[in-house]
Amino acid sequence: MTRLSLSALFCVLFHTLLFSQHTHSVTIKVIDETTQKELPNAHVNIGLKYAYTNLKGTTTFYKISTKNKQLSITHVGYISYKKLFNFASNTPVISIVLKQENSVLNEVIIAQKHKQTSVKLSKNKQKVSKLFLAKNRDNSLMQTLKNIPGASAITIGSGQSKPTIRGLGFNRIVVVENGIKHEAQQWGADHGLEIDQYNIDNIEITKRATSLMYGSDAIARVISLKNNLLPNVNSFSRELNLTNRSKNNT
């Protein structure tokens, strides 16, 4: 029985010694090709074993046999590395260089045909004539437009108000007079629209988002104002406007 136990112990020791002669530790070092700096957090895979590189760009594998095994290294922003390696005992440190992966996006061209866009947007516009303005004249221009469905005004004083369309106002609405944006009503709650309502001929309200044409402010709507045209040569015109207000309706 004793002789059998000694034989079994000898076989185990011999197998362990024989196996240890064919395994060793291997250190993998990952470097950037351009900067020649170490790459931390690189995923290194040898056979069924894997690890991540430390801040010095290295990681160590233990009990690696000298047989040919595939070495795989991946890192975000770099081209993956794969190669069949013979991890010999005379190369304890293996340096691998990774190339940066450059992703080039194709250019994006935004084209717009003015004539087709104008026809398409015309169905989403509402024009307000000078006759409508005369019949619905109120204390300010925006209070006059509150009779249009979806439009309302925020009154901040006598003759001063802000436009709101379907609940959106301030920097969600663009007010344009002859192609020039008015942004005074966007600054704060106490800033109104600084436009004389008696100097407006017609108004055009766009009922859709037109950010491509008027900027990011035109998320809700666009109110386009057109004032009096230049008079003809040797011409004369006159207009009389009468308005009244009670004491409690100023």
C-alpha atoms as a PDB file:
ATOM      1  CA  MET A   1       0.000   0.000   0.000  1.00  0.00           C
ATOM      2  CA  THR A   2       2.847   2.338   0.863  1.00  0.00           C
ATOM      3  CA  ARG A   3       4.631   1.485  -2.391  1.00  0.00           C
ATOM      4  CA  LEU A   4       1.440   2.259  -4.374  1.00  0.00           C
ATOM      5  CA  SER A   5       1.019   5.642  -2.664  1.00  0.00           C
ATOM      6  CA  LEU A   6       4.613   6.601  -3.386  1.00  0.00           C
ATOM      7  CA  SER A   7       4.164   5.678  -7.049  1.00  0.00           C
ATOM      8  CA  ALA A   8       1.037   7.828  -7.353  1.00  0.00           C
ATOM      9  CA  LEU A   9       2.764  10.776  -5.651  1.00  0.00           C
ATOM     10  CA  PHE A  10       5.746  10.420  -7.975  1.00  0.00           C
ATOM     11  CA  CYS A  11       3.481  10.463 -11.049  1.00  0.00           C
ATOM     12  CA  VAL A  12       1.723  13.623  -9.864  1.00  0.00           C
ATOM     13  CA  LEU A  13       4.994  15.416  -9.175  1.00  0.00           C
ATOM     14  CA  PHE A  14       6.438  14.331 -12.507  1.00  0.00           C
ATOM     15  CA  HIS A  15       3.348  15.528 -14.408  1.00  0.00           C
ATOM     16  CA  THR A  16       3.391  18.871 -12.583  1.00  0.00           C
ATOM     17  CA  LEU A  17       7.086  19.383 -13.269  1.00  0.00           C
ATOM     18  CA  LEU A  18       6.674  18.410 -16.907  1.00  0.00           C
ATOM     19  CA  PHE A  19       3.693  20.758 -17.399  1.00  0.00           C
ATOM     20  CA  SER A  20       5.447  23.660 -15.671  1.00  0.00           C
ATOM     21  CA  GLN A  21       8.325  23.400 -18.104  1.00  0.00           C
ATOM     22  CA  HIS A  22       5.946  24.123 -21.022  1.00  0.00           C
ATOM     23  CA  THR A  23       4.053  27.071 -19.422  1.00  0.00           C
ATOM     24  CA  HIS A  24       5.197  30.536 -18.436  1.00  0.00           C
ATOM     25  CA  SER A  25       3.891  34.068 -17.911  1.00  0.00           C
ATOM     26  CA  VAL A  26       3.515  36.533 -20.790  1.00  0.00           C
ATOM     27  CA  THR A  27       3.133  40.317 -20.567  1.00  0.00           C
ATOM     28  CA  ILE A  28       1.320  42.123 -23.378  1.00  0.00           C
ATOM     29  CA  LYS A  29       2.026  45.823 -23.926  1.00  0.00           C
ATOM     30  CA  VAL A  30      -0.273  47.869 -26.189  1.00  0.00           C
ATOM     31  CA  ILE A  31       1.040  51.086 -27.787  1.00  0.00           C
ATOM     32  CA  ASP A  32      -0.486  53.762 -30.011  1.00  0.00           C
ATOM     33  CA  GLU A  33       1.206  53.835 -33.413  1.00  0.00           C
ATOM     34  CA  THR A  34       1.009  57.620 -33.835  1.00  0.00           C
ATOM     35  CA  THR A  35       1.813  58.900 -30.353  1.00  0.00           C
ATOM     36  CA  GLN A  36       3.853  55.883 -29.170  1.00  0.00           C
ATOM     37  CA  LYS A  37       2.026  56.107 -25.843  1.00  0.00           C
ATOM     38  CA  GLU A  38       0.625  53.241 -23.821  1.00  0.00           C
ATOM     39  CA  LEU A  39      -3.056  52.424 -24.283  1.00  0.00           C
ATOM     40  CA  PRO A  40      -4.998  51.595 -21.114  1.00  0.00           C
ATOM     41  CA  ASN A  41      -8.294  49.652 -21.098  1.00  0.00           C
ATOM     42  CA  ALA A  42      -7.404  47.646 -24.199  1.00  0.00           C
ATOM     43  CA  HIS A  43      -9.114  44.240 -24.350  1.00  0.00           C
ATOM     44  CA  VAL A  44      -6.513  41.476 -24.757  1.00  0.00           C
ATOM     45  CA  ASN A  45      -7.551  37.907 -25.497  1.00  0.00           C
ATOM     46  CA  ILE A  46      -5.251  34.848 -25.588  1.00  0.00           C
ATOM     47  CA  GLY A  47      -7.166  31.663 -26.305  1.00  0.00           C
ATOM     48  CA  LEU A  48      -9.869  31.438 -23.640  1.00  0.00           C
ATOM     49  CA  LYS A  49      -8.186  33.955 -21.345  1.00  0.00           C
ATOM     50  CA  TYR A  50      -8.807  37.690 -21.500  1.00  0.00           C
ATOM     51  CA  ALA A  51      -7.816  40.796 -19.560  1.00  0.00           C
ATOM     52  CA  TYR A  52      -7.628  44.595 -19.832  1.00  0.00           C
ATOM     53  CA  THR A  53      -4.464  46.666 -19.905  1.00  0.00           C
ATOM     54  CA  ASN A  54      -3.670  48.909 -16.942  1.00  0.00           C
ATOM     55  CA  LEU A  55      -2.678  52.582 -16.977  1.00  0.00           C
ATOM     56  CA  LYS A  56       0.771  51.601 -18.259  1.00  0.00           C
ATOM     57  CA  GLY A  57      -0.792  49.760 -21.185  1.00  0.00           C
ATOM     58  CA  THR A  58       0.289  46.302 -19.985  1.00  0.00           C
ATOM     59  CA  THR A  59      -1.377  43.136 -18.753  1.00  0.00           C
ATOM     60  CA  THR A  60       0.123  39.802 -17.672  1.00  0.00           C
ATOM     61  CA  PHE A  61      -1.143  36.299 -18.403  1.00  0.00           C
ATOM     62  CA  TYR A  62       0.039  33.352 -16.310  1.00  0.00           C
ATOM     63  CA  LYS A  63       0.452  29.691 -17.239  1.00  0.00           C
ATOM     64  CA  ILE A  64       0.508  30.283 -20.971  1.00  0.00           C
ATOM     65  CA  SER A  65       1.659  27.267 -22.969  1.00  0.00           C
ATOM     66  CA  THR A  66       4.147  27.535 -25.819  1.00  0.00           C
ATOM     67  CA  LYS A  67       1.612  26.245 -28.323  1.00  0.00           C
ATOM     68  CA  ASN A  68       0.332  28.510 -31.080  1.00  0.00           C
ATOM     69  CA  LYS A  69      -2.619  30.567 -29.877  1.00  0.00           C
ATOM     70  CA  GLN A  70      -4.493  33.485 -31.343  1.00  0.00           C
ATOM     71  CA  LEU A  71      -3.791  36.885 -29.811  1.00  0.00           C
ATOM     72  CA  SER A  72      -6.667  39.367 -30.184  1.00  0.00           C
ATOM     73  CA  ILE A  73      -6.559  43.004 -29.058  1.00  0.00           C
ATOM     74  CA  THR A  74      -9.404  45.509 -29.399  1.00  0.00           C
ATOM     75  CA  HIS A  75      -9.742  49.122 -28.312  1.00  0.00           C
ATOM     76  CA  VAL A  76     -12.299  51.840 -28.971  1.00  0.00           C
ATOM     77  CA  GLY A  77     -11.144  54.015 -31.859  1.00  0.00           C
ATOM     78  CA  TYR A  78      -8.469  51.575 -33.056  1.00  0.00           C
ATOM     79  CA  ILE A  79      -8.280  48.826 -35.670  1.00  0.00           C
ATOM     80  CA  SER A  80      -8.581  45.365 -34.096  1.00  0.00           C
ATOM     81  CA  TYR A  81      -5.440  43.230 -33.961  1.00  0.00           C
ATOM     82  CA  LYS A  82      -5.544  39.459 -34.544  1.00  0.00           C
ATOM     83  CA  LYS A  83      -2.578  37.148 -35.071  1.00  0.00           C
ATOM     84  CA  LEU A  84      -1.557  33.541 -34.361  1.00  0.00           C
ATOM     85  CA  PHE A  85       1.299  33.633 -31.834  1.00  0.00           C
ATOM     86  CA  ASN A  86       3.848  31.151 -30.512  1.00  0.00           C
ATOM     87  CA  PHE A  87       4.355  32.317 -26.945  1.00  0.00           C
ATOM     88  CA  ALA A  88       7.927  31.170 -26.410  1.00  0.00           C
ATOM     89  CA  SER A  89       9.543  31.490 -23.014  1.00  0.00           C
ATOM     90  CA  ASN A  90      12.298  33.748 -24.360  1.00  0.00           C
ATOM     91  CA  THR A  91       9.819  36.578 -25.103  1.00  0.00           C
ATOM     92  CA  PRO A  92       8.275  37.507 -21.739  1.00  0.00           C
ATOM     93  CA  VAL A  93       7.067  40.926 -23.013  1.00  0.00           C
ATOM     94  CA  ILE A  94       5.260  41.325 -26.335  1.00  0.00           C
ATOM     95  CA  SER A  95       4.644  44.865 -27.619  1.00  0.00           C
ATOM     96  CA  ILE A  96       1.705  45.353 -29.958  1.00  0.00           C
ATOM     97  CA  VAL A  97       1.117  48.566 -31.907  1.00  0.00           C
ATOM     98  CA  LEU A  98      -2.476  49.556 -32.721  1.00  0.00           C
ATOM     99  CA  LYS A  99      -3.442  51.872 -35.568  1.00  0.00           C
ATOM    100  CA  GLN A 100      -6.088  54.523 -35.091  1.00  0.00           C
ATOM    101  CA  GLU A 101      -9.324  53.981 -36.988  1.00  0.00           C
ATOM    102  CA  ASN A 102     -10.298  57.084 -38.916  1.00  0.00           C
ATOM    103  CA  SER A 103     -13.969  57.243 -39.844  1.00  0.00           C
ATOM    104  CA  VAL A 104     -14.710  59.813 -42.534  1.00  0.00           C
ATOM    105  CA  LEU A 105     -18.339  60.844 -42.955  1.00  0.00           C
ATOM    106  CA  ASN A 106     -19.618  61.786 -46.361  1.00  0.00           C
ATOM    107  CA  GLU A 107     -20.714  65.373 -46.800  1.00  0.00           C
ATOM    108  CA  VAL A 108     -24.385  66.206 -46.385  1.00  0.00           C
ATOM    109  CA  ILE A 109     -25.868  68.578 -48.937  1.00  0.00           C
ATOM    110  CA  ILE A 110     -29.145  70.332 -48.123  1.00  0.00           C
ATOM    111  CA  ALA A 111     -30.717  71.662 -51.285  1.00  0.00           C
ATOM    112  CA  GLN A 112     -33.869  73.723 -51.512  1.00  0.00           C
ATOM    113  CA  LYS A 113     -35.809  74.817 -54.551  1.00  0.00           C
ATOM    114  CA  HIS A 114     -37.348  78.172 -53.799  1.00  0.00           C
ATOM    115  CA  LYS A 115     -40.242  77.989 -56.253  1.00  0.00           C
ATOM    116  CA  GLN A 116     -41.433  74.546 -55.175  1.00  0.00           C
ATOM    117  CA  THR A 117     -41.108  75.440 -51.493  1.00  0.00           C
ATOM    118  CA  SER A 118     -43.125  78.619 -51.920  1.00  0.00           C
ATOM    119  CA  VAL A 119     -45.972  76.719 -53.577  1.00  0.00           C
ATOM    120  CA  LYS A 120     -45.925  74.085 -50.860  1.00  0.00           C
ATOM    121  CA  LEU A 121     -45.875  76.579 -48.001  1.00  0.00           C
ATOM    122  CA  SER A 122     -48.610  78.730 -49.506  1.00  0.00           C
ATOM    123  CA  LYS A 123     -51.208  76.210 -48.344  1.00  0.00           C
ATOM    124  CA  ASN A 124     -50.044  76.672 -44.758  1.00  0.00           C
ATOM    125  CA  LYS A 125     -50.201  80.450 -44.719  1.00  0.00           C
ATOM    126  CA  GLN A 126     -52.961  82.788 -43.643  1.00  0.00           C
ATOM    127  CA  LYS A 127     -53.055  86.316 -44.997  1.00  0.00           C
ATOM    128  CA  VAL A 128     -54.511  89.192 -43.010  1.00  0.00           C
ATOM    129  CA  SER A 129     -55.646  92.114 -45.137  1.00  0.00           C
ATOM    130  CA  LYS A 130     -55.660  95.776 -44.255  1.00  0.00           C
ATOM    131  CA  LEU A 131     -59.466  95.682 -44.196  1.00  0.00           C
ATOM    132  CA  PHE A 132     -59.395  93.028 -41.457  1.00  0.00           C
ATOM    133  CA  LEU A 133     -56.962  95.156 -39.461  1.00  0.00           C
ATOM    134  CA  ALA A 134     -59.225  98.194 -39.797  1.00  0.00           C
ATOM    135  CA  LYS A 135     -62.348  96.325 -38.658  1.00  0.00           C
ATOM    136  CA  ASN A 136     -60.660  94.624 -35.703  1.00  0.00           C
ATOM    137  CA  ARG A 137     -58.420  97.472 -34.568  1.00  0.00           C
ATOM    138  CA  ASP A 138     -57.443  97.115 -30.920  1.00  0.00           C
ATOM    139  CA  ASN A 139     -55.021  98.685 -28.477  1.00  0.00           C
ATOM    140  CA  SER A 140     -51.973  97.053 -30.102  1.00  0.00           C
ATOM    141  CA  LEU A 141     -51.117  95.056 -33.190  1.00  0.00           C
ATOM    142  CA  MET A 142     -51.038  91.705 -31.410  1.00  0.00           C
ATOM    143  CA  GLN A 143     -54.342  92.424 -29.684  1.00  0.00           C
ATOM    144  CA  THR A 144     -55.799  93.061 -33.129  1.00  0.00           C
ATOM    145  CA  LEU A 145     -54.561  89.662 -34.318  1.00  0.00           C
ATOM    146  CA  LYS A 146     -56.120  87.821 -31.365  1.00  0.00           C
ATOM    147  CA  ASN A 147     -59.325  87.534 -33.410  1.00  0.00           C
ATOM    148  CA  ILE A 148     -57.515  85.053 -35.676  1.00  0.00           C
ATOM    149  CA  PRO A 149     -58.064  81.401 -34.606  1.00  0.00           C
ATOM    150  CA  GLY A 150     -55.077  80.125 -32.635  1.00  0.00           C
ATOM    151  CA  ALA A 151     -53.557  83.571 -32.074  1.00  0.00           C
ATOM    152  CA  SER A 152     -53.555  85.480 -28.799  1.00  0.00           C
ATOM    153  CA  ALA A 153     -51.614  88.230 -27.086  1.00  0.00           C
ATOM    154  CA  ILE A 154     -49.839  88.731 -23.777  1.00  0.00           C
ATOM    155  CA  THR A 155     -50.639  92.282 -22.689  1.00  0.00           C
ATOM    156  CA  ILE A 156     -47.900  93.987 -20.688  1.00  0.00           C
ATOM    157  CA  GLY A 157     -49.254  97.523 -20.654  1.00  0.00           C
ATOM    158  CA  SER A 158     -51.041 100.159 -22.656  1.00  0.00           C
ATOM    159  CA  GLY A 159     -50.202  99.623 -26.313  1.00  0.00           C
ATOM    160  CA  GLN A 160     -47.670  96.858 -25.600  1.00  0.00           C
ATOM    161  CA  SER A 161     -48.220  93.126 -26.103  1.00  0.00           C
ATOM    162  CA  LYS A 162     -46.477  89.931 -27.150  1.00  0.00           C
ATOM    163  CA  PRO A 163     -47.669  87.494 -29.828  1.00  0.00           C
ATOM    164  CA  THR A 164     -48.549  83.905 -28.953  1.00  0.00           C
ATOM    165  CA  ILE A 165     -49.802  81.290 -31.385  1.00  0.00           C
ATOM    166  CA  ARG A 166     -51.272  78.055 -30.060  1.00  0.00           C
ATOM    167  CA  GLY A 167     -49.632  78.568 -26.689  1.00  0.00           C
ATOM    168  CA  LEU A 168     -46.123  79.276 -27.990  1.00  0.00           C
ATOM    169  CA  GLY A 169     -44.457  82.653 -27.750  1.00  0.00           C
ATOM    170  CA  PHE A 170     -41.235  84.508 -26.885  1.00  0.00           C
ATOM    171  CA  ASN A 171     -38.323  82.841 -28.747  1.00  0.00           C
ATOM    172  CA  ARG A 172     -40.620  80.273 -30.376  1.00  0.00           C
ATOM    173  CA  ILE A 173     -42.158  82.820 -32.746  1.00  0.00           C
ATOM    174  CA  VAL A 174     -40.380  84.944 -35.331  1.00  0.00           C
ATOM    175  CA  VAL A 175     -41.770  88.357 -36.249  1.00  0.00           C
ATOM    176  CA  VAL A 176     -40.462  89.652 -39.572  1.00  0.00           C
ATOM    177  CA  GLU A 177     -41.055  93.144 -40.963  1.00  0.00           C
ATOM    178  CA  ASN A 178     -40.096  93.480 -44.624  1.00  0.00           C
ATOM    179  CA  GLY A 179     -37.651  90.580 -44.228  1.00  0.00           C
ATOM    180  CA  ILE A 180     -36.028  91.946 -41.034  1.00  0.00           C
ATOM    181  CA  LYS A 181     -36.451  89.999 -37.790  1.00  0.00           C
ATOM    182  CA  HIS A 182     -37.729  91.774 -34.674  1.00  0.00           C
ATOM    183  CA  GLU A 183     -36.454  90.104 -31.513  1.00  0.00           C
ATOM    184  CA  ALA A 184     -37.421  92.675 -28.883  1.00  0.00           C
ATOM    185  CA  GLN A 185     -40.408  90.602 -27.707  1.00  0.00           C
ATOM    186  CA  GLN A 186     -38.087  87.638 -27.025  1.00  0.00           C
ATOM    187  CA  TRP A 187     -35.922  89.311 -24.377  1.00  0.00           C
ATOM    188  CA  GLY A 188     -38.208  89.183 -21.365  1.00  0.00           C
ATOM    189  CA  ALA A 189     -41.732  89.407 -20.017  1.00  0.00           C
ATOM    190  CA  ASP A 190     -41.703  93.227 -20.016  1.00  0.00           C
ATOM    191  CA  HIS A 191     -40.648  93.686 -23.652  1.00  0.00           C
ATOM    192  CA  GLY A 192     -43.355  94.081 -26.254  1.00  0.00           C
ATOM    193  CA  LEU A 193     -43.395  94.203 -30.022  1.00  0.00           C
ATOM    194  CA  GLU A 194     -42.041  97.591 -31.095  1.00  0.00           C
ATOM    195  CA  ILE A 195     -44.040  97.975 -34.309  1.00  0.00           C
ATOM    196  CA  ASP A 196     -46.659 100.597 -35.157  1.00  0.00           C
ATOM    197  CA  GLN A 197     -49.874  98.845 -36.135  1.00  0.00           C
ATOM    198  CA  TYR A 198     -51.006 101.823 -38.231  1.00  0.00           C
ATOM    199  CA  ASN A 199     -48.009 101.350 -40.501  1.00  0.00           C
ATOM    200  CA  ILE A 200     -48.917  97.803 -41.574  1.00  0.00           C
ATOM    201  CA  ASP A 201     -50.565  97.043 -44.905  1.00  0.00           C
ATOM    202  CA  ASN A 202     -50.941  93.270 -44.660  1.00  0.00           C
ATOM    203  CA  ILE A 203     -49.808  90.387 -42.492  1.00  0.00           C
ATOM    204  CA  GLU A 204     -48.934  86.825 -43.429  1.00  0.00           C
ATOM    205  CA  ILE A 205     -48.947  84.127 -40.731  1.00  0.00           C
ATOM    206  CA  THR A 206     -47.156  80.864 -41.520  1.00  0.00           C
ATOM    207  CA  LYS A 207     -48.795  77.954 -39.708  1.00  0.00           C
ATOM    208  CA  ARG A 208     -45.855  75.558 -39.613  1.00  0.00           C
ATOM    209  CA  ALA A 209     -42.270  75.339 -38.449  1.00  0.00           C
ATOM    210  CA  THR A 210     -39.950  77.168 -40.857  1.00  0.00           C
ATOM    211  CA  SER A 211     -36.598  76.933 -39.092  1.00  0.00           C
ATOM    212  CA  LEU A 212     -34.702  76.351 -42.341  1.00  0.00           C
ATOM    213  CA  MET A 213     -35.849  79.716 -43.672  1.00  0.00           C
ATOM    214  CA  TYR A 214     -35.944  81.905 -40.554  1.00  0.00           C
ATOM    215  CA  GLY A 215     -33.638  80.188 -38.054  1.00  0.00           C
ATOM    216  CA  SER A 216     -34.145  78.105 -34.929  1.00  0.00           C
ATOM    217  CA  ASP A 217     -36.591  80.625 -33.417  1.00  0.00           C
ATOM    218  CA  ALA A 218     -39.289  79.726 -35.949  1.00  0.00           C
ATOM    219  CA  ILE A 219     -40.329  76.523 -34.186  1.00  0.00           C
ATOM    220  CA  ALA A 220     -43.949  77.583 -33.710  1.00  0.00           C
ATOM    221  CA  ARG A 221     -44.949  80.142 -36.341  1.00  0.00           C
ATOM    222  CA  VAL A 222     -43.753  83.129 -38.367  1.00  0.00           C
ATOM    223  CA  ILE A 223     -45.575  86.452 -38.466  1.00  0.00           C
ATOM    224  CA  SER A 224     -44.525  88.396 -41.554  1.00  0.00           C
ATOM    225  CA  LEU A 225     -45.458  92.090 -41.592  1.00  0.00           C
ATOM    226  CA  LYS A 226     -45.435  94.307 -44.668  1.00  0.00           C
ATOM    227  CA  ASN A 227     -45.769  98.037 -44.191  1.00  0.00           C
ATOM    228  CA  ASN A 228     -46.736 100.860 -46.499  1.00  0.00           C
ATOM    229  CA  LEU A 229     -45.233 100.820 -49.940  1.00  0.00           C
ATOM    230  CA  LEU A 230     -43.423 103.814 -51.366  1.00  0.00           C
ATOM    231  CA  PRO A 231     -45.903 106.368 -52.724  1.00  0.00           C
ATOM    232  CA  ASN A 232     -46.052 107.173 -56.384  1.00  0.00           C
ATOM    233  CA  VAL A 233     -44.507 110.331 -57.747  1.00  0.00           C
ATOM    234  CA  ASN A 234     -46.691 113.433 -57.297  1.00  0.00           C
ATOM    235  CA  SER A 235     -49.278 111.418 -55.355  1.00  0.00           C
ATOM    236  CA  PHE A 236     -51.260 112.268 -52.251  1.00  0.00           C
ATOM    237  CA  SER A 237     -53.018 109.947 -49.771  1.00  0.00           C
ATOM    238  CA  ARG A 238     -54.733 110.379 -46.444  1.00  0.00           C
ATOM    239  CA  GLU A 239     -56.242 108.158 -43.770  1.00  0.00           C
ATOM    240  CA  LEU A 240     -58.224 108.877 -40.625  1.00  0.00           C
ATOM    241  CA  ASN A 241     -58.403 106.384 -37.747  1.00  0.00           C
ATOM    242  CA  LEU A 242     -60.638 106.934 -34.734  1.00  0.00           C
ATOM    243  CA  THR A 243     -60.443 104.697 -31.669  1.00  0.00           C
ATOM    244  CA  ASN A 244     -61.915 105.030 -28.211  1.00  0.00           C
ATOM    245  CA  ARG A 245     -61.346 103.273 -24.903  1.00  0.00           C
ATOM    246  CA  SER A 246     -63.235 103.295 -21.645  1.00  0.00           C
ATOM    247  CA  LYS A 247     -61.603 103.768 -18.280  1.00  0.00           C
ATOM    248  CA  ASN A 248     -61.618 100.050 -17.462  1.00  0.00           C
ATOM    249  CA  ASN A 249     -60.715  98.885 -20.972  1.00  0.00           C
ATOM    250  CA  THR A 250     -57.406 100.649 -21.612  1.00  0.00           C
END
